Amino acid sequence: MNKIVLPLSDDDLLLQCHVTAFRSSGSGGQHTNVTDSAVRVVHLPTGLMVTSQSERSQYLNKKECLKKLREKVKRLNYRKPKRVPTRMPKSVKKENLEKKMMHSHKKRLRSKMKDEG
């Protein structure tokens, strides 16, 4: 998937979006029940949708939506950096080889003792 590029200014970003206002749900008292302060923003080029109903004003909720949209795009654009394989130092290779040899030597001794005993 290609990177999503958003305009730097909020005004340019709003031109690319479809903004709708609706009545927010949940608690908040009488004021919440009578005003259309919740905002839904749909970014038309990508189809991404964000909503906000945390503030009492439509303007602040719109700003919050744009902030959420930028964060969402940032998460979608993130790519894990490629892993750079590292080499094992010669000293560690030598040490591991010696451990293996000692272990196999122990096993041979045990099997000899088992056969004799």
PDB file of N, CA and C in Angstrom:
ATOM      1  N   MET A   1       0.838  -1.182   0.000  1.00  0.00           N
ATOM      2  CA  MET A   1       0.000   0.000   0.000  1.00  0.00           C
ATOM      3  C   MET A   1       0.881   1.243   0.000  1.00  0.00           C
ATOM      4  N   ASN A   2       0.473   2.250  -0.752  1.00  0.00           N
ATOM      5  CA  ASN A   2       1.230   3.496  -0.842  1.00  0.00           C
ATOM      6  C   ASN A   2       1.001   4.361   0.387  1.00  0.00           C
ATOM      7  N   LYS A   3       1.934   5.283   0.587  1.00  0.00           N
ATOM      8  CA  LYS A   3       1.804   6.214   1.692  1.00  0.00           C
ATOM      9  C   LYS A   3       0.675   7.197   1.426  1.00  0.00           C
ATOM     10  N   ILE A   4      -0.056   7.539   2.485  1.00  0.00           N
ATOM     11  CA  ILE A   4      -1.122   8.529   2.384  1.00  0.00           C
ATOM     12  C   ILE A   4      -0.514   9.886   2.737  1.00  0.00           C
ATOM     13  N   VAL A   5      -0.705  10.868   1.863  1.00  0.00           N
ATOM     14  CA  VAL A   5      -0.153  12.206   2.094  1.00  0.00           C
ATOM     15  C   VAL A   5      -1.315  13.168   2.326  1.00  0.00           C
ATOM     16  N   LEU A   6      -1.275  13.854   3.471  1.00  0.00           N
ATOM     17  CA  LEU A   6      -2.309  14.831   3.810  1.00  0.00           C
ATOM     18  C   LEU A   6      -1.736  16.240   3.685  1.00  0.00           C
ATOM     19  N   PRO A   7      -2.570  17.221   3.325  1.00  0.00           N
ATOM     20  CA  PRO A   7      -2.105  18.607   3.296  1.00  0.00           C
ATOM     21  C   PRO A   7      -1.706  19.079   4.693  1.00  0.00           C
ATOM     22  N   LEU A   8      -0.783  20.009   4.756  1.00  0.00           N
ATOM     23  CA  LEU A   8      -0.306  20.494   6.057  1.00  0.00           C
ATOM     24  C   LEU A   8      -1.336  21.374   6.757  1.00  0.00           C
ATOM     25  N   SER A   9      -2.053  22.204   6.021  1.00  0.00           N
ATOM     26  CA  SER A   9      -3.013  23.095   6.669  1.00  0.00           C
ATOM     27  C   SER A   9      -4.362  22.407   6.840  1.00  0.00           C
ATOM     28  N   ASP A  10      -5.037  22.752   7.925  1.00  0.00           N
ATOM     29  CA  ASP A  10      -6.345  22.163   8.219  1.00  0.00           C
ATOM     30  C   ASP A  10      -7.395  22.580   7.195  1.00  0.00           C
ATOM     31  N   ASP A  11      -7.284  23.803   6.677  1.00  0.00           N
ATOM     32  CA  ASP A  11      -8.259  24.280   5.686  1.00  0.00           C
ATOM     33  C   ASP A  11      -8.186  23.449   4.403  1.00  0.00           C
ATOM     34  N   ASP A  12      -6.964  23.150   3.946  1.00  0.00           N
ATOM     35  CA  ASP A  12      -6.798  22.328   2.739  1.00  0.00           C
ATOM     36  C   ASP A  12      -7.285  20.901   2.977  1.00  0.00           C
ATOM     37  N   LEU A  13      -7.053  20.414   4.191  1.00  0.00           N
ATOM     38  CA  LEU A  13      -7.501  19.058   4.529  1.00  0.00           C
ATOM     39  C   LEU A  13      -9.027  18.995   4.551  1.00  0.00           C
ATOM     40  N   LEU A  14      -9.665  20.032   5.071  1.00  0.00           N
ATOM     41  CA  LEU A  14     -11.137  20.059   5.116  1.00  0.00           C
ATOM     42  C   LEU A  14     -11.750  20.073   3.722  1.00  0.00           C
ATOM     43  N   LEU A  15     -11.026  20.640   2.745  1.00  0.00           N
ATOM     44  CA  LEU A  15     -11.525  20.640   1.364  1.00  0.00           C
ATOM     45  C   LEU A  15     -11.578  19.230   0.790  1.00  0.00           C
ATOM     46  N   GLN A  16     -10.733  18.336   1.312  1.00  0.00           N
ATOM     47  CA  GLN A  16     -10.706  16.942   0.853  1.00  0.00           C
ATOM     48  C   GLN A  16     -11.680  16.061   1.633  1.00  0.00           C
ATOM     49  N   CYS A  17     -12.396  16.635   2.594  1.00  0.00           N
ATOM     50  CA  CYS A  17     -13.242  15.839   3.490  1.00  0.00           C
ATOM     51  C   CYS A  17     -14.718  16.195   3.349  1.00  0.00           C
ATOM     52  N   HIS A  18     -15.534  15.237   3.762  1.00  0.00           N
ATOM     53  CA  HIS A  18     -16.973  15.458   3.867  1.00  0.00           C
ATOM     54  C   HIS A  18     -17.284  15.525   5.355  1.00  0.00           C
ATOM     55  N   VAL A  19     -17.801  16.667   5.823  1.00  0.00           N
ATOM     56  CA  VAL A  19     -18.045  16.887   7.243  1.00  0.00           C
ATOM     57  C   VAL A  19     -19.546  16.883   7.503  1.00  0.00           C
ATOM     58  N   THR A  20     -19.981  16.090   8.482  1.00  0.00           N
ATOM     59  CA  THR A  20     -21.384  16.086   8.884  1.00  0.00           C
ATOM     60  C   THR A  20     -21.466  16.281  10.389  1.00  0.00           C
ATOM     61  N   ALA A  21     -22.518  16.976  10.811  1.00  0.00           N
ATOM     62  CA  ALA A  21     -22.759  17.201  12.235  1.00  0.00           C
ATOM     63  C   ALA A  21     -23.988  16.404  12.638  1.00  0.00           C
ATOM     64  N   PHE A  22     -23.967  15.890  13.853  1.00  0.00           N
ATOM     65  CA  PHE A  22     -25.112  15.136  14.349  1.00  0.00           C
ATOM     66  C   PHE A  22     -25.203  15.300  15.852  1.00  0.00           C
ATOM     67  N   ARG A  23     -26.296  14.860  16.415  1.00  0.00           N
ATOM     68  CA  ARG A  23     -26.486  14.954  17.858  1.00  0.00           C
ATOM     69  C   ARG A  23     -25.681  13.877  18.553  1.00  0.00           C
ATOM     70  N   SER A  24     -24.896  14.297  19.514  1.00  0.00           N
ATOM     71  CA  SER A  24     -24.074  13.316  20.222  1.00  0.00           C
ATOM     72  C   SER A  24     -24.945  12.513  21.180  1.00  0.00           C
ATOM     73  N   SER A  25     -24.516  11.289  21.429  1.00  0.00           N
ATOM     74  CA  SER A  25     -25.280  10.409  22.314  1.00  0.00           C
ATOM     75  C   SER A  25     -24.585  10.319  23.658  1.00  0.00           C
ATOM     76  N   GLY A  26     -25.254   9.707  24.597  1.00  0.00           N
ATOM     77  CA  GLY A  26     -24.652   9.494  25.911  1.00  0.00           C
ATOM     78  C   GLY A  26     -24.969  10.618  26.872  1.00  0.00           C
ATOM     79  N   SER A  27     -24.290  10.588  28.003  1.00  0.00           N
ATOM     80  CA  SER A  27     -24.561  11.564  29.050  1.00  0.00           C
ATOM     81  C   SER A  27     -24.001  12.920  28.650  1.00  0.00           C
ATOM     82  N   GLY A  28     -24.480  13.951  29.290  1.00  0.00           N
ATOM     83  CA  GLY A  28     -24.014  15.296  28.988  1.00  0.00           C
ATOM     84  C   GLY A  28     -25.068  16.327  29.296  1.00  0.00           C
ATOM     85  N   GLY A  29     -26.212  15.881  29.704  1.00  0.00           N
ATOM     86  CA  GLY A  29     -27.248  16.820  30.125  1.00  0.00           C
ATOM     87  C   GLY A  29     -28.080  17.340  28.989  1.00  0.00           C
ATOM     88  N   GLN A  30     -28.840  18.383  29.306  1.00  0.00           N
ATOM     89  CA  GLN A  30     -29.805  18.939  28.377  1.00  0.00           C
ATOM     90  C   GLN A  30     -29.144  19.543  27.134  1.00  0.00           C
ATOM     91  N   HIS A  31     -28.010  20.171  27.325  1.00  0.00           N
ATOM     92  CA  HIS A  31     -27.337  20.841  26.207  1.00  0.00           C
ATOM     93  C   HIS A  31     -26.983  19.840  25.104  1.00  0.00           C
ATOM     94  N   THR A  32     -26.543  18.642  25.505  1.00  0.00           N
ATOM     95  CA  THR A  32     -26.162  17.598  24.541  1.00  0.00           C
ATOM     96  C   THR A  32     -27.362  17.140  23.731  1.00  0.00           C
ATOM     97  N   ASN A  33     -28.511  17.100  24.358  1.00  0.00           N
ATOM     98  CA  ASN A  33     -29.704  16.568  23.695  1.00  0.00           C
ATOM     99  C   ASN A  33     -30.303  17.519  22.664  1.00  0.00           C
ATOM    100  N   VAL A  34     -29.951  18.807  22.695  1.00  0.00           N
ATOM    101  CA  VAL A  34     -30.605  19.755  21.802  1.00  0.00           C
ATOM    102  C   VAL A  34     -29.689  20.350  20.741  1.00  0.00           C
ATOM    103  N   THR A  35     -28.374  20.118  20.791  1.00  0.00           N
ATOM    104  CA  THR A  35     -27.480  20.707  19.788  1.00  0.00           C
ATOM    105  C   THR A  35     -26.805  19.626  18.952  1.00  0.00           C
ATOM    106  N   ASP A  36     -26.541  19.966  17.696  1.00  0.00           N
ATOM    107  CA  ASP A  36     -25.819  19.059  16.803  1.00  0.00           C
ATOM    108  C   ASP A  36     -24.328  19.373  16.898  1.00  0.00           C
ATOM    109  N   SER A  37     -23.712  18.987  18.005  1.00  0.00           N
ATOM    110  CA  SER A  37     -22.311  19.362  18.232  1.00  0.00           C
ATOM    111  C   SER A  37     -21.327  18.256  17.863  1.00  0.00           C
ATOM    112  N   ALA A  38     -21.778  17.025  17.706  1.00  0.00           N
ATOM    113  CA  ALA A  38     -20.873  15.935  17.324  1.00  0.00           C
ATOM    114  C   ALA A  38     -20.546  16.053  15.836  1.00  0.00           C
ATOM    115  N   VAL A  39     -19.320  15.650  15.472  1.00  0.00           N
ATOM    116  CA  VAL A  39     -18.864  15.817  14.084  1.00  0.00           C
ATOM    117  C   VAL A  39     -18.299  14.500  13.563  1.00  0.00           C
ATOM    118  N   ARG A  40     -18.634  14.212  12.297  1.00  0.00           N
ATOM    119  CA  ARG A  40     -18.075  13.052  11.602  1.00  0.00           C
ATOM    120  C   ARG A  40     -17.349  13.575  10.373  1.00  0.00           C
ATOM    121  N   VAL A  41     -16.079  13.186  10.210  1.00  0.00           N
ATOM    122  CA  VAL A  41     -15.282  13.628   9.065  1.00  0.00           C
ATOM    123  C   VAL A  41     -14.878  12.406   8.257  1.00  0.00           C
ATOM    124  N   VAL A  42     -15.179  12.427   6.955  1.00  0.00           N
ATOM    125  CA  VAL A  42     -14.785  11.344   6.054  1.00  0.00           C
ATOM    126  C   VAL A  42     -13.797  11.919   5.048  1.00  0.00           C
ATOM    127  N   HIS A  43     -12.581  11.358   5.032  1.00  0.00           N
ATOM    128  CA  HIS A  43     -11.566  11.796   4.069  1.00  0.00           C
ATOM    129  C   HIS A  43     -11.878  11.096   2.748  1.00  0.00           C
ATOM    130  N   LEU A  44     -12.321  11.862   1.772  1.00  0.00           N
ATOM    131  CA  LEU A  44     -12.832  11.288   0.520  1.00  0.00           C
ATOM    132  C   LEU A  44     -11.793  10.497  -0.285  1.00  0.00           C
ATOM    133  N   PRO A  45     -10.528  10.955  -0.428  1.00  0.00           N
ATOM    134  CA  PRO A  45      -9.568  10.176  -1.217  1.00  0.00           C
ATOM    135  C   PRO A  45      -9.256   8.788  -0.629  1.00  0.00           C
ATOM    136  N   THR A  46      -9.299   8.659   0.692  1.00  0.00           N
ATOM    137  CA  THR A  46      -8.934   7.374   1.314  1.00  0.00           C
ATOM    138  C   THR A  46     -10.119   6.630   1.902  1.00  0.00           C
ATOM    139  N   GLY A  47     -11.213   7.333   2.194  1.00  0.00           N
ATOM    140  CA  GLY A  47     -12.374   6.696   2.797  1.00  0.00           C
ATOM    141  C   GLY A  47     -12.259   6.554   4.308  1.00  0.00           C
ATOM    142  N   LEU A  48     -11.250   7.145   4.918  1.00  0.00           N
ATOM    143  CA  LEU A  48     -11.081   7.067   6.373  1.00  0.00           C
ATOM    144  C   LEU A  48     -12.124   7.937   7.060  1.00  0.00           C
ATOM    145  N   MET A  49     -12.687   7.426   8.161  1.00  0.00           N
ATOM    146  CA  MET A  49     -13.723   8.162   8.875  1.00  0.00           C
ATOM    147  C   MET A  49     -13.344   8.291  10.346  1.00  0.00           C
ATOM    148  N   VAL A  50     -13.522   9.482  10.900  1.00  0.00           N
ATOM    149  CA  VAL A  50     -13.312   9.717  12.332  1.00  0.00           C
ATOM    150  C   VAL A  50     -14.472  10.542  12.868  1.00  0.00           C
ATOM    151  N   THR A  51     -14.789  10.331  14.146  1.00  0.00           N
ATOM    152  CA  THR A  51     -15.852  11.098  14.782  1.00  0.00           C
ATOM    153  C   THR A  51     -15.356  11.654  16.105  1.00  0.00           C
ATOM    154  N   SER A  52     -16.001  12.726  16.534  1.00  0.00           N
ATOM    155  CA  SER A  52     -15.698  13.307  17.830  1.00  0.00           C
ATOM    156  C   SER A  52     -16.969  13.919  18.400  1.00  0.00           C
ATOM    157  N   GLN A  53     -17.219  13.626  19.670  1.00  0.00           N
ATOM    158  CA  GLN A  53     -18.371  14.217  20.346  1.00  0.00           C
ATOM    159  C   GLN A  53     -18.011  14.570  21.786  1.00  0.00           C
ATOM    160  N   SER A  54     -16.719  14.771  22.017  1.00  0.00           N
ATOM    161  CA  SER A  54     -16.264  15.011  23.382  1.00  0.00           C
ATOM    162  C   SER A  54     -16.472  16.459  23.833  1.00  0.00           C
ATOM    163  N   GLU A  55     -16.440  17.399  22.889  1.00  0.00           N
ATOM    164  CA  GLU A  55     -16.567  18.818  23.253  1.00  0.00           C
ATOM    165  C   GLU A  55     -18.012  19.288  23.081  1.00  0.00           C
ATOM    166  N   ARG A  56     -18.313  20.480  23.646  1.00  0.00           N
ATOM    167  CA  ARG A  56     -19.670  21.017  23.553  1.00  0.00           C
ATOM    168  C   ARG A  56     -19.885  21.824  22.283  1.00  0.00           C
ATOM    169  N   SER A  57     -18.784  22.182  21.598  1.00  0.00           N
ATOM    170  CA  SER A  57     -18.957  22.980  20.385  1.00  0.00           C
ATOM    171  C   SER A  57     -18.555  22.174  19.150  1.00  0.00           C
ATOM    172  N   GLN A  58     -19.265  22.460  18.060  1.00  0.00           N
ATOM    173  CA  GLN A  58     -19.004  21.768  16.797  1.00  0.00           C
ATOM    174  C   GLN A  58     -17.602  22.109  16.281  1.00  0.00           C
ATOM    175  N   TYR A  59     -17.192  23.360  16.463  1.00  0.00           N
ATOM    176  CA  TYR A  59     -15.886  23.818  15.999  1.00  0.00           C
ATOM    177  C   TYR A  59     -14.758  23.027  16.668  1.00  0.00           C
ATOM    178  N   LEU A  60     -14.836  22.875  17.994  1.00  0.00           N
ATOM    179  CA  LEU A  60     -13.792  22.128  18.716  1.00  0.00           C
ATOM    180  C   LEU A  60     -13.804  20.652  18.342  1.00  0.00           C
ATOM    181  N   ASN A  61     -14.978  20.090  18.126  1.00  0.00           N
ATOM    182  CA  ASN A  61     -15.073  18.691  17.710  1.00  0.00           C
ATOM    183  C   ASN A  61     -14.488  18.490  16.317  1.00  0.00           C
ATOM    184  N   LYS A  62     -14.659  19.478  15.441  1.00  0.00           N
ATOM    185  CA  LYS A  62     -14.093  19.402  14.088  1.00  0.00           C
ATOM    186  C   LYS A  62     -12.561  19.402  14.166  1.00  0.00           C
ATOM    187  N   LYS A  63     -12.015  20.276  15.020  1.00  0.00           N
ATOM    188  CA  LYS A  63     -10.565  20.316  15.204  1.00  0.00           C
ATOM    189  C   LYS A  63     -10.052  18.982  15.757  1.00  0.00           C
ATOM    190  N   GLU A  64     -10.797  18.407  16.688  1.00  0.00           N
ATOM    191  CA  GLU A  64     -10.430  17.114  17.281  1.00  0.00           C
ATOM    192  C   GLU A  64     -10.461  16.015  16.220  1.00  0.00           C
ATOM    193  N   CYS A  65     -11.449  16.064  15.326  1.00  0.00           N
ATOM    194  CA  CYS A  65     -11.543  15.077  14.242  1.00  0.00           C
ATOM    195  C   CYS A  65     -10.341  15.155  13.316  1.00  0.00           C
ATOM    196  N   LEU A  66      -9.928  16.362  12.972  1.00  0.00           N
ATOM    197  CA  LEU A  66      -8.774  16.519  12.081  1.00  0.00           C
ATOM    198  C   LEU A  66      -7.517  15.975  12.753  1.00  0.00           C
ATOM    199  N   LYS A  67      -7.396  16.204  14.050  1.00  0.00           N
ATOM    200  CA  LYS A  67      -6.251  15.681  14.813  1.00  0.00           C
ATOM    201  C   LYS A  67      -6.265  14.147  14.798  1.00  0.00           C
ATOM    202  N   LYS A  68      -7.451  13.563  15.029  1.00  0.00           N
ATOM    203  CA  LYS A  68      -7.591  12.098  15.014  1.00  0.00           C
ATOM    204  C   LYS A  68      -7.272  11.533  13.628  1.00  0.00           C
ATOM    205  N   LEU A  69      -7.721  12.238  12.572  1.00  0.00           N
ATOM    206  CA  LEU A  69      -7.469  11.783  11.203  1.00  0.00           C
ATOM    207  C   LEU A  69      -5.979  11.754  10.910  1.00  0.00           C
ATOM    208  N   ARG A  70      -5.270  12.801  11.331  1.00  0.00           N
ATOM    209  CA  ARG A  70      -3.814  12.844  11.116  1.00  0.00           C
ATOM    210  C   ARG A  70      -3.111  11.710  11.871  1.00  0.00           C
ATOM    211  N   GLU A  71      -3.570  11.421  13.092  1.00  0.00           N
ATOM    212  CA  GLU A  71      -2.979  10.322  13.869  1.00  0.00           C
ATOM    213  C   GLU A  71      -3.246   8.974  13.206  1.00  0.00           C
ATOM    214  N   LYS A  72      -4.457   8.799  12.690  1.00  0.00           N
ATOM    215  CA  LYS A  72      -4.831   7.551  12.026  1.00  0.00           C
ATOM    216  C   LYS A  72      -3.970   7.317  10.783  1.00  0.00           C
ATOM    217  N   VAL A  73      -3.769   8.377   9.996  1.00  0.00           N
ATOM    218  CA  VAL A  73      -2.950   8.284   8.785  1.00  0.00           C
ATOM    219  C   VAL A  73      -1.505   7.991   9.167  1.00  0.00           C
ATOM    220  N   LYS A  74      -1.038   8.604  10.242  1.00  0.00           N
ATOM    221  CA  LYS A  74       0.332   8.362  10.706  1.00  0.00           C
ATOM    222  C   LYS A  74       0.519   6.886  11.071  1.00  0.00           C
ATOM    223  N   ARG A  75      -0.472   6.294  11.761  1.00  0.00           N
ATOM    224  CA  ARG A  75      -0.404   4.870  12.119  1.00  0.00           C
ATOM    225  C   ARG A  75      -0.427   3.987  10.874  1.00  0.00           C
ATOM    226  N   LEU A  76      -1.262   4.351   9.891  1.00  0.00           N
ATOM    227  CA  LEU A  76      -1.361   3.560   8.662  1.00  0.00           C
ATOM    228  C   LEU A  76      -0.096   3.660   7.816  1.00  0.00           C
ATOM    229  N   ASN A  77       0.575   4.805   7.860  1.00  0.00           N
ATOM    230  CA  ASN A  77       1.794   5.004   7.072  1.00  0.00           C
ATOM    231  C   ASN A  77       3.021   4.351   7.704  1.00  0.00           C
ATOM    232  N   TYR A  78       2.936   3.964   8.974  1.00  0.00           N
ATOM    233  CA  TYR A  78       4.109   3.415   9.661  1.00  0.00           C
ATOM    234  C   TYR A  78       4.517   2.076   9.058  1.00  0.00           C
ATOM    235  N   ARG A  79       5.794   1.946   8.783  1.00  0.00           N
ATOM    236  CA  ARG A  79       6.365   0.682   8.300  1.00  0.00           C
ATOM    237  C   ARG A  79       7.501   0.302   9.226  1.00  0.00           C
ATOM    238  N   LYS A  80       7.528  -0.948   9.629  1.00  0.00           N
ATOM    239  CA  LYS A  80       8.607  -1.406  10.499  1.00  0.00           C
ATOM    240  C   LYS A  80       9.929  -1.322   9.757  1.00  0.00           C
ATOM    241  N   PRO A  81      10.977  -0.836  10.411  1.00  0.00           N
ATOM    242  CA  PRO A  81      12.273  -0.788   9.727  1.00  0.00           C
ATOM    243  C   PRO A  81      12.795  -2.196   9.462  1.00  0.00           C
ATOM    244  N   LYS A  82      13.523  -2.345   8.355  1.00  0.00           N
ATOM    245  CA  LYS A  82      14.066  -3.659   8.015  1.00  0.00           C
ATOM    246  C   LYS A  82      15.118  -4.067   9.027  1.00  0.00           C
ATOM    247  N   ARG A  83      15.126  -5.349   9.349  1.00  0.00           N
ATOM    248  CA  ARG A  83      16.088  -5.877  10.298  1.00  0.00           C
ATOM    249  C   ARG A  83      17.431  -6.057   9.614  1.00  0.00           C
ATOM    250  N   VAL A  84      18.473  -5.550  10.244  1.00  0.00           N
ATOM    251  CA  VAL A  84      19.816  -5.703   9.707  1.00  0.00           C
ATOM    252  C   VAL A  84      20.452  -6.888  10.415  1.00  0.00           C
ATOM    253  N   PRO A  85      20.712  -7.988   9.701  1.00  0.00           N
ATOM    254  CA  PRO A  85      21.288  -9.161  10.369  1.00  0.00           C
ATOM    255  C   PRO A  85      22.712  -8.869  10.840  1.00  0.00           C
ATOM    256  N   THR A  86      23.032  -9.387  12.007  1.00  0.00           N
ATOM    257  CA  THR A  86      24.367  -9.183  12.556  1.00  0.00           C
ATOM    258  C   THR A  86      25.171 -10.476  12.465  1.00  0.00           C
ATOM    259  N   ARG A  87      26.485 -10.337  12.390  1.00  0.00           N
ATOM    260  CA  ARG A  87      27.350 -11.513  12.322  1.00  0.00           C
ATOM    261  C   ARG A  87      27.790 -11.905  13.713  1.00  0.00           C
ATOM    262  N   MET A  88      27.933 -13.215  13.911  1.00  0.00           N
ATOM    263  CA  MET A  88      28.417 -13.710  15.179  1.00  0.00           C
ATOM    264  C   MET A  88      29.951 -13.617  15.183  1.00  0.00           C
ATOM    265  N   PRO A  89      30.553 -13.037  16.235  1.00  0.00           N
ATOM    266  CA  PRO A  89      32.015 -12.923  16.282  1.00  0.00           C
ATOM    267  C   PRO A  89      32.691 -14.299  16.314  1.00  0.00           C
ATOM    268  N   LYS A  90      33.914 -14.361  15.804  1.00  0.00           N
ATOM    269  CA  LYS A  90      34.656 -15.628  15.750  1.00  0.00           C
ATOM    270  C   LYS A  90      34.849 -16.225  17.138  1.00  0.00           C
ATOM    271  N   SER A  91      35.090 -15.359  18.128  1.00  0.00           N
ATOM    272  CA  SER A  91      35.328 -15.856  19.485  1.00  0.00           C
ATOM    273  C   SER A  91      34.093 -16.585  20.027  1.00  0.00           C
ATOM    274  N   VAL A  92      32.902 -16.066  19.729  1.00  0.00           N
ATOM    275  CA  VAL A  92      31.669 -16.702  20.197  1.00  0.00           C
ATOM    276  C   VAL A  92      31.452 -18.015  19.464  1.00  0.00           C
ATOM    277  N   LYS A  93      31.742 -18.051  18.156  1.00  0.00           N
ATOM    278  CA  LYS A  93      31.622 -19.293  17.395  1.00  0.00           C
ATOM    279  C   LYS A  93      32.536 -20.363  17.982  1.00  0.00           C
ATOM    280  N   LYS A  94      33.758 -19.969  18.281  1.00  0.00           N
ATOM    281  CA  LYS A  94      34.745 -20.901  18.842  1.00  0.00           C
ATOM    282  C   LYS A  94      34.264 -21.429  20.191  1.00  0.00           C
ATOM    283  N   GLU A  95      33.743 -20.527  21.028  1.00  0.00           N
ATOM    284  CA  GLU A  95      33.241 -20.899  22.353  1.00  0.00           C
ATOM    285  C   GLU A  95      32.090 -21.897  22.237  1.00  0.00           C
ATOM    286  N   ASN A  96      31.152 -21.637  21.322  1.00  0.00           N
ATOM    287  CA  ASN A  96      30.014 -22.539  21.123  1.00  0.00           C
ATOM    288  C   ASN A  96      30.477 -23.911  20.636  1.00  0.00           C
ATOM    289  N   LEU A  97      31.458 -23.929  19.752  1.00  0.00           N
ATOM    290  CA  LEU A  97      31.988 -25.182  19.235  1.00  0.00           C
ATOM    291  C   LEU A  97      32.630 -26.004  20.361  1.00  0.00           C
ATOM    292  N   GLU A  98      33.375 -25.307  21.238  1.00  0.00           N
ATOM    293  CA  GLU A  98      33.998 -25.999  22.373  1.00  0.00           C
ATOM    294  C   GLU A  98      32.949 -26.578  23.307  1.00  0.00           C
ATOM    295  N   LYS A  99      31.872 -25.853  23.565  1.00  0.00           N
ATOM    296  CA  LYS A  99      30.775 -26.343  24.419  1.00  0.00           C
ATOM    297  C   LYS A  99      30.165 -27.602  23.819  1.00  0.00           C
ATOM    298  N   LYS A 100      29.928 -27.582  22.492  1.00  0.00           N
ATOM    299  CA  LYS A 100      29.356 -28.754  21.821  1.00  0.00           C
ATOM    300  C   LYS A 100      30.276 -29.960  21.937  1.00  0.00           C
ATOM    301  N   MET A 101      31.574 -29.710  21.757  1.00  0.00           N
ATOM    302  CA  MET A 101      32.540 -30.816  21.831  1.00  0.00           C
ATOM    303  C   MET A 101      32.566 -31.409  23.238  1.00  0.00           C
ATOM    304  N   MET A 102      32.526 -30.539  24.259  1.00  0.00           N
ATOM    305  CA  MET A 102      32.527 -31.026  25.646  1.00  0.00           C
ATOM    306  C   MET A 102      31.265 -31.838  25.935  1.00  0.00           C
ATOM    307  N   HIS A 103      30.153 -31.366  25.438  1.00  0.00           N
ATOM    308  CA  HIS A 103      28.886 -32.059  25.661  1.00  0.00           C
ATOM    309  C   HIS A 103      28.900 -33.444  25.005  1.00  0.00           C
ATOM    310  N   SER A 104      29.386 -33.509  23.762  1.00  0.00           N
ATOM    311  CA  SER A 104      29.433 -34.806  23.084  1.00  0.00           C
ATOM    312  C   SER A 104      30.419 -35.737  23.789  1.00  0.00           C
ATOM    313  N   HIS A 105      31.496 -35.183  24.322  1.00  0.00           N
ATOM    314  CA  HIS A 105      32.482 -35.989  25.061  1.00  0.00           C
ATOM    315  C   HIS A 105      31.821 -36.599  26.311  1.00  0.00           C
ATOM    316  N   LYS A 106      31.022 -35.802  27.032  1.00  0.00           N
ATOM    317  CA  LYS A 106      30.303 -36.289  28.218  1.00  0.00           C
ATOM    318  C   LYS A 106      29.355 -37.410  27.839  1.00  0.00           C
ATOM    319  N   LYS A 107      28.648 -37.219  26.726  1.00  0.00           N
ATOM    320  CA  LYS A 107      27.685 -38.236  26.291  1.00  0.00           C
ATOM    321  C   LYS A 107      28.384 -39.567  25.963  1.00  0.00           C
ATOM    322  N   ARG A 108      29.542 -39.453  25.283  1.00  0.00           N
ATOM    323  CA  ARG A 108      30.289 -40.674  24.952  1.00  0.00           C
ATOM    324  C   ARG A 108      30.734 -41.393  26.208  1.00  0.00           C
ATOM    325  N   LEU A 109      31.212 -40.652  27.188  1.00  0.00           N
ATOM    326  CA  LEU A 109      31.662 -41.259  28.455  1.00  0.00           C
ATOM    327  C   LEU A 109      30.521 -41.963  29.173  1.00  0.00           C
ATOM    328  N   ARG A 110      29.345 -41.322  29.180  1.00  0.00           N
ATOM    329  CA  ARG A 110      28.182 -41.909  29.842  1.00  0.00           C
ATOM    330  C   ARG A 110      27.767 -43.211  29.163  1.00  0.00           C
ATOM    331  N   SER A 111      27.760 -43.196  27.822  1.00  0.00           N
ATOM    332  CA  SER A 111      27.348 -44.404  27.117  1.00  0.00           C
ATOM    333  C   SER A 111      28.372 -45.526  27.325  1.00  0.00           C
ATOM    334  N   LYS A 112      29.678 -45.203  27.431  1.00  0.00           N
ATOM    335  CA  LYS A 112      30.702 -46.205  27.697  1.00  0.00           C
ATOM    336  C   LYS A 112      30.490 -46.828  29.069  1.00  0.00           C
ATOM    337  N   MET A 113      30.223 -45.951  30.074  1.00  0.00           N
ATOM    338  CA  MET A 113      30.016 -46.417  31.443  1.00  0.00           C
ATOM    339  C   MET A 113      28.769 -47.304  31.522  1.00  0.00           C
ATOM    340  N   LYS A 114      27.756 -46.960  30.758  1.00  0.00           N
ATOM    341  CA  LYS A 114      26.517 -47.720  30.736  1.00  0.00           C
ATOM    342  C   LYS A 114      26.776 -49.121  30.152  1.00  0.00           C
ATOM    343  N   ASP A 115      27.553 -49.140  29.067  1.00  0.00           N
ATOM    344  CA  ASP A 115      27.861 -50.416  28.403  1.00  0.00           C
ATOM    345  C   ASP A 115      28.700 -51.328  29.319  1.00  0.00           C
ATOM    346  N   GLU A 116      29.641 -50.713  30.059  1.00  0.00           N
ATOM    347  CA  GLU A 116      30.511 -51.505  30.939  1.00  0.00           C
ATOM    348  C   GLU A 116      29.774 -51.976  32.182  1.00  0.00           C
ATOM    349  N   GLY A 117      28.895 -51.102  32.702  1.00  0.00           N
ATOM    350  CA  GLY A 117      28.261 -51.380  33.981  1.00  0.00           C
ATOM    351  C   GLY A 117      27.004 -52.121  33.877  1.00  0.00           C
TER     352      GLY A 117
END
